[in-house]
């Protein structure tokens, strides 16, 4: 599953600062606003830890199932596509031949899930237009047309090896993949939402520390140097972690850009490429 980075160092730093303040909370007993700020940070820290636990939930099985369904769909579709390409070439059906020419095994293997869905729909429409395999198409046809399609189906099966069962297998694989794909997308959306909540809560905790707690603690420099020292040590670690996480994020970003697959086919690329051969025919 797509990785979403959780800044664990920020959460650990908030927890450390909160623990120090909890240990020395007696110092804040006479200052209600200080005491309230400590409780507020403690609440935010607990929330961050809970969100972190949910965000780190292992969803690998969902992705495995989605990829399994994708591979099965590709296998079924490639068989139908190969036979269909031979058929439209033999029958000199130029329009479907142009539509199918750019749908190669490499494109199907490398394309995104959404592009794969669009490709399968296109192949399904073409094979049913000329073969009339699907009941959806049969319901709309007249008796004479059904008889004509029956001949085409028989021809496709006997001469080209494209049996109606192969279309049904592709349809079933398509429906299974659609279901697995949307479950996977829901899981991703939930994880993205959790990461947003973590960032928002973490940001609020940082502002609380900088704008309130740092200032309140500074009032105890002479009265309770031990408390101030423990707090400042926790803050120094938090600042160090913040710098470290920024550098890590920068390196991860550069690495991701470098590892991007140049052969990845997306919806825009698939639709925007024009067939040179079609220009000649026109």
Protein backbone atom coordinates (compact mmCIF):
# COMPACT_ATOMS: atom_id res chain seq x y z
CA UNK A 1 0.00 0.00 0.00
CA UNK A 2 1.12 3.52 -0.73
CA UNK A 3 3.28 4.77 2.14
CA UNK A 4 2.20 7.85 4.11
CA UNK A 5 4.92 9.18 6.37
CA UNK A 6 4.08 9.67 10.04
CA UNK A 7 6.42 12.04 11.85
CA UNK A 8 6.99 9.80 14.85
CA UNK A 9 9.71 12.09 16.21
CA UNK A 10 7.24 14.95 16.67
CA UNK A 11 4.83 12.69 18.53
CA UNK A 12 7.65 11.33 20.72
CA UNK A 13 8.82 14.88 21.47
CA UNK A 14 5.32 15.97 22.50
CA UNK A 15 5.06 12.92 24.74
CA UNK A 16 8.44 13.66 26.35
CA UNK A 17 7.57 17.31 27.04
CA UNK A 18 4.16 16.28 28.37
CA UNK A 19 5.76 13.69 30.68
CA UNK A 20 8.18 16.28 32.10
CA UNK A 21 5.33 18.72 32.73
CA UNK A 22 3.24 15.98 34.37
CA UNK A 23 6.15 15.13 36.70
CA UNK A 24 6.47 18.77 37.77
CA UNK A 25 2.79 19.72 37.59
CA UNK A 26 2.84 20.74 41.25
CA UNK A 27 4.79 23.80 40.12
CA UNK A 28 1.73 24.95 38.20
CA UNK A 29 -0.85 24.42 40.93
CA UNK A 30 -1.11 28.13 41.75
CA UNK A 31 -1.26 29.22 38.10
CA UNK A 32 -4.52 27.97 36.59
CA UNK A 33 -3.67 28.97 33.00
CA UNK A 34 -0.35 27.09 33.20
CA UNK A 35 -2.09 24.03 34.67
CA UNK A 36 -4.74 24.16 31.92
CA UNK A 37 -2.02 24.37 29.23
CA UNK A 38 -0.30 21.28 30.69
CA UNK A 39 -3.60 19.36 30.65
CA UNK A 40 -4.26 20.56 27.11
CA UNK A 41 -0.87 19.25 25.91
CA UNK A 42 -1.48 15.96 27.69
CA UNK A 43 -4.84 15.58 25.90
CA UNK A 44 -3.28 16.36 22.52
CA UNK A 45 -0.45 13.90 23.14
CA UNK A 46 -2.90 11.10 23.95
CA UNK A 47 -4.85 11.95 20.80
CA UNK A 48 -1.66 11.84 18.70
CA UNK A 49 -0.70 8.43 20.10
CA UNK A 50 -4.18 7.05 19.34
CA UNK A 51 -4.14 8.44 15.78
CA UNK A 52 -0.65 7.06 15.25
CA UNK A 53 -1.79 3.61 16.32
CA UNK A 54 -4.68 3.71 13.83
CA UNK A 55 -2.54 5.09 11.00
CA UNK A 56 0.07 2.36 11.45
CA UNK A 57 -2.53 -0.38 11.10
CA UNK A 58 -1.32 -2.96 8.59
CA UNK A 59 -3.51 -2.94 5.45
CA UNK A 60 -1.19 -5.10 3.39
CA UNK A 61 -3.79 -7.84 2.87
CA UNK A 62 -6.14 -5.36 1.19
CA UNK A 63 -3.43 -4.41 -1.30
CA UNK A 64 -2.47 -8.06 -1.87
CA UNK A 65 -6.08 -8.94 -2.70
CA UNK A 66 -6.40 -5.94 -5.02
CA UNK A 67 -3.20 -6.88 -6.89
CA UNK A 68 -4.30 -10.51 -7.14
CA UNK A 69 -7.61 -9.45 -8.73
CA UNK A 70 -5.75 -7.04 -11.02
CA UNK A 71 -3.42 -9.79 -12.29
CA UNK A 72 -6.34 -12.13 -12.94
CA UNK A 73 -8.20 -9.39 -14.83
CA UNK A 74 -5.12 -8.62 -16.94
CA UNK A 75 -4.70 -12.30 -17.79
CA UNK A 76 -8.34 -12.69 -18.90
CA UNK A 77 -8.35 -9.38 -20.80
CA UNK A 78 -5.11 -10.06 -22.69
CA UNK A 79 -6.49 -13.35 -24.03
CA UNK A 80 -9.67 -11.69 -25.30
CA UNK A 81 -7.75 -8.68 -26.61
CA UNK A 82 -5.27 -10.78 -28.61
CA UNK A 83 -8.02 -12.76 -30.35
CA UNK A 84 -10.09 -9.60 -30.92
CA UNK A 85 -7.14 -7.85 -32.59
CA UNK A 86 -6.70 -10.76 -34.99
CA UNK A 87 -10.42 -10.80 -35.75
CA UNK A 88 -10.78 -7.07 -36.53
CA UNK A 89 -7.64 -7.22 -38.69
CA UNK A 90 -8.98 -10.17 -40.71
CA UNK A 91 -12.40 -8.55 -41.09
CA UNK A 92 -10.79 -5.23 -42.08
CA UNK A 93 -12.63 -3.34 -39.35
CA UNK A 94 -10.46 -0.24 -39.33
CA UNK A 95 -12.09 1.74 -36.50
CA UNK A 96 -11.79 -0.95 -33.78
CA UNK A 97 -8.35 -1.83 -35.12
CA UNK A 98 -7.23 1.75 -34.51
CA UNK A 99 -8.87 1.79 -31.07
CA UNK A 100 -7.08 -1.40 -30.01
CA UNK A 101 -3.69 -0.80 -31.61
CA UNK A 102 -2.24 1.18 -28.70
CA UNK A 103 -3.56 -1.23 -26.07
CA UNK A 104 -0.49 -3.44 -25.86
CA UNK A 105 0.44 -5.98 -23.16
CA UNK A 106 3.06 -3.50 -21.85
CA UNK A 107 0.47 -0.73 -21.55
CA UNK A 108 -1.93 -3.00 -19.67
CA UNK A 109 0.78 -4.26 -17.30
CA UNK A 110 2.16 -0.79 -16.49
CA UNK A 111 -0.96 1.37 -16.45
CA UNK A 112 -2.67 2.67 -13.33
CA UNK A 113 -5.69 0.89 -11.90
CA UNK A 114 -8.09 3.51 -13.26
CA UNK A 115 -6.61 3.26 -16.76
CA UNK A 116 -6.89 -0.53 -16.58
CA UNK A 117 -10.58 -0.19 -15.75
CA UNK A 118 -11.08 2.09 -18.78
CA UNK A 119 -9.15 -0.30 -21.05
CA UNK A 120 -11.21 -3.32 -19.99
CA UNK A 121 -14.42 -1.36 -20.54
CA UNK A 122 -13.26 -0.42 -24.04
CA UNK A 123 -12.32 -4.02 -24.93
CA UNK A 124 -15.63 -5.25 -23.51
CA UNK A 125 -17.64 -2.74 -25.56
CA UNK A 126 -15.84 -3.62 -28.80
CA UNK A 127 -16.06 -7.39 -28.37
CA UNK A 128 -19.77 -7.13 -27.55
CA UNK A 129 -20.45 -4.76 -30.42
CA UNK A 130 -19.16 -7.26 -32.95
CA UNK A 131 -19.89 -10.48 -31.10
CA UNK A 132 -22.97 -9.62 -29.03
CA UNK A 133 -21.87 -11.87 -26.18
CA UNK A 134 -23.35 -9.84 -23.34
CA UNK A 135 -26.98 -10.09 -22.30
CA UNK A 136 -26.96 -6.30 -21.99
CA UNK A 137 -26.49 -6.07 -25.74
CA UNK A 138 -28.80 -9.00 -26.58
CA UNK A 139 -31.73 -7.35 -24.79
CA UNK A 140 -31.50 -4.35 -27.09
CA UNK A 141 -31.29 -6.32 -30.34
CA UNK A 142 -34.00 -7.40 -32.73
CA UNK A 143 -34.56 -11.05 -33.63
CA UNK A 144 -32.75 -10.76 -36.98
CA UNK A 145 -29.77 -9.09 -35.33
CA UNK A 146 -29.59 -11.80 -32.66
CA UNK A 147 -29.49 -14.46 -35.38
CA UNK A 148 -26.71 -12.53 -37.15
CA UNK A 149 -24.74 -12.20 -33.91
CA UNK A 150 -25.12 -15.92 -33.25
CA UNK A 151 -23.25 -16.56 -36.49
CA UNK A 152 -20.50 -14.15 -35.49
CA UNK A 153 -20.20 -15.78 -32.05
CA UNK A 154 -19.96 -19.19 -33.67
CA UNK A 155 -17.33 -17.90 -36.12
CA UNK A 156 -15.28 -16.26 -33.36
CA UNK A 157 -15.35 -19.46 -31.35
CA UNK A 158 -14.64 -21.96 -34.15
CA UNK A 159 -12.16 -19.92 -36.23
CA UNK A 160 -10.50 -17.75 -33.61
CA UNK A 161 -11.02 -19.59 -30.32
CA UNK A 162 -12.96 -16.81 -28.59
CA UNK A 163 -15.64 -18.66 -26.61
CA UNK A 164 -18.50 -16.88 -24.80
CA UNK A 165 -17.18 -18.31 -21.52
CA UNK A 166 -13.98 -16.30 -21.99
CA UNK A 167 -16.01 -13.06 -22.09
CA UNK A 168 -17.91 -14.09 -18.98
CA UNK A 169 -14.63 -14.87 -17.21
CA UNK A 170 -13.34 -11.40 -18.12
CA UNK A 171 -16.55 -9.79 -16.84
CA UNK A 172 -16.35 -11.70 -13.55
CA UNK A 173 -12.66 -10.79 -13.12
CA UNK A 174 -13.55 -7.15 -13.85
CA UNK A 175 -16.26 -7.06 -11.16
CA UNK A 176 -13.96 -8.70 -8.59
CA UNK A 177 -11.22 -6.19 -9.37
CA UNK A 178 -13.62 -3.22 -9.12
CA UNK A 179 -14.71 -4.38 -5.68
CA UNK A 180 -11.12 -4.96 -4.45
CA UNK A 181 -9.99 -1.64 -5.97
CA UNK A 182 -12.63 0.41 -4.15
CA UNK A 183 -11.97 -1.32 -0.82
CA UNK A 184 -8.29 -0.43 -1.32
CA UNK A 185 -9.14 3.18 -2.17
CA UNK A 186 -11.33 3.47 0.95
CA UNK A 187 -8.43 2.22 3.08
CA UNK A 188 -6.12 4.79 1.48
CA UNK A 189 -8.62 7.59 2.03
CA UNK A 190 -8.95 6.66 5.71
CA UNK A 191 -5.17 6.61 6.11
CA UNK A 192 -4.86 10.02 4.39
CA UNK A 193 -7.51 11.41 6.75
CA UNK A 194 -5.63 10.07 9.79
CA UNK A 195 -2.36 11.63 8.60
CA UNK A 196 -4.11 15.00 8.17
CA UNK A 197 -5.48 14.77 11.71
CA UNK A 198 -2.02 13.91 13.04
CA UNK A 199 -0.48 16.92 11.29
CA UNK A 200 -3.23 19.25 12.51
CA UNK A 201 -3.04 18.05 16.14
CA UNK A 202 0.77 18.10 16.07
CA UNK A 203 0.77 21.67 14.77
CA UNK A 204 -1.59 22.79 17.54
CA UNK A 205 0.58 21.08 20.15
CA UNK A 206 3.67 22.88 18.83
CA UNK A 207 1.92 26.26 18.99
CA UNK A 208 0.77 25.54 22.53
CA UNK A 209 4.33 24.68 23.57
CA UNK A 210 5.90 27.72 21.90
CA UNK A 211 3.29 30.33 22.81
CA UNK A 212 2.32 29.24 26.33
CA UNK A 213 4.34 26.51 27.95
CA UNK A 214 7.79 27.91 27.06
CA UNK A 215 6.81 31.25 28.58
CA UNK A 216 5.25 29.79 31.71
CA UNK A 217 8.27 27.56 32.36
CA UNK A 218 10.62 30.55 31.99
CA UNK A 219 8.96 32.04 35.11
CA UNK A 220 10.44 29.19 37.19
CA UNK A 221 14.11 29.64 36.22
CA UNK A 222 15.11 30.82 39.71
CA UNK A 223 12.38 29.15 41.76
CA UNK A 224 12.80 25.65 40.27
CA UNK A 225 15.96 25.34 38.12
CA UNK A 226 15.69 21.53 38.12
CA UNK A 227 12.24 21.74 36.51
CA UNK A 228 13.44 24.27 33.93
CA UNK A 229 16.47 22.14 33.07
CA UNK A 230 14.36 19.00 32.54
CA UNK A 231 11.90 20.95 30.38
CA UNK A 232 14.65 22.64 28.34
CA UNK A 233 16.34 19.27 27.71
CA UNK A 234 13.07 17.92 26.36
CA UNK A 235 12.64 21.04 24.20
CA UNK A 236 16.17 20.81 22.81
CA UNK A 237 15.51 17.21 21.79
CA UNK A 238 12.24 18.31 20.16
CA UNK A 239 14.04 21.04 18.16
CA UNK A 240 16.75 18.58 17.13
CA UNK A 241 14.12 16.06 15.97
CA UNK A 242 12.33 18.78 14.02
CA UNK A 243 15.50 19.61 12.05
CA UNK A 244 16.21 15.92 11.49
CA UNK A 245 12.69 15.25 10.18
CA UNK A 246 12.93 18.19 7.75
CA UNK A 247 16.14 16.82 6.26
CA UNK A 248 14.62 13.33 6.06
CA UNK A 249 11.51 14.64 4.29
CA UNK A 250 13.69 16.49 1.78
CA UNK A 251 15.76 13.36 1.03
CA UNK A 252 12.63 11.20 0.70
CA UNK A 253 11.11 13.69 -1.73
CA UNK A 254 14.22 13.70 -3.92
CA UNK A 255 14.41 9.90 -3.80
CA UNK A 256 10.73 9.54 -4.80
CA UNK A 257 11.19 11.84 -7.78
CA UNK A 258 14.24 9.86 -8.91
CA UNK A 259 12.45 6.52 -8.63
CA UNK A 260 9.36 7.57 -10.56
CA UNK A 261 8.56 5.08 -13.31
CA UNK A 262 9.02 6.85 -16.67
CA UNK A 263 6.98 4.15 -18.40
CA UNK A 264 3.90 4.61 -16.18
CA UNK A 265 0.85 5.16 -18.33
CA UNK A 266 -1.86 7.44 -16.99
CA UNK A 267 -5.29 8.47 -18.30
CA UNK A 268 -4.04 11.67 -19.92
CA UNK A 269 -1.21 9.96 -21.81
CA UNK A 270 -3.45 7.17 -23.04
CA UNK A 271 -6.12 9.53 -24.37
CA UNK A 272 -3.83 12.27 -25.71
CA UNK A 273 -1.66 10.07 -27.95
CA UNK A 274 -2.97 10.20 -31.51
CA UNK A 275 -2.57 7.38 -33.95
CA UNK A 276 -0.33 8.34 -36.87
CA UNK A 277 -1.83 5.60 -38.97
CA UNK A 278 -5.34 7.02 -38.50
CA UNK A 279 -4.16 10.37 -39.91
CA UNK A 280 -3.00 8.62 -43.08
CA UNK A 281 -6.33 6.79 -43.42
CA UNK A 282 -8.26 10.03 -43.01
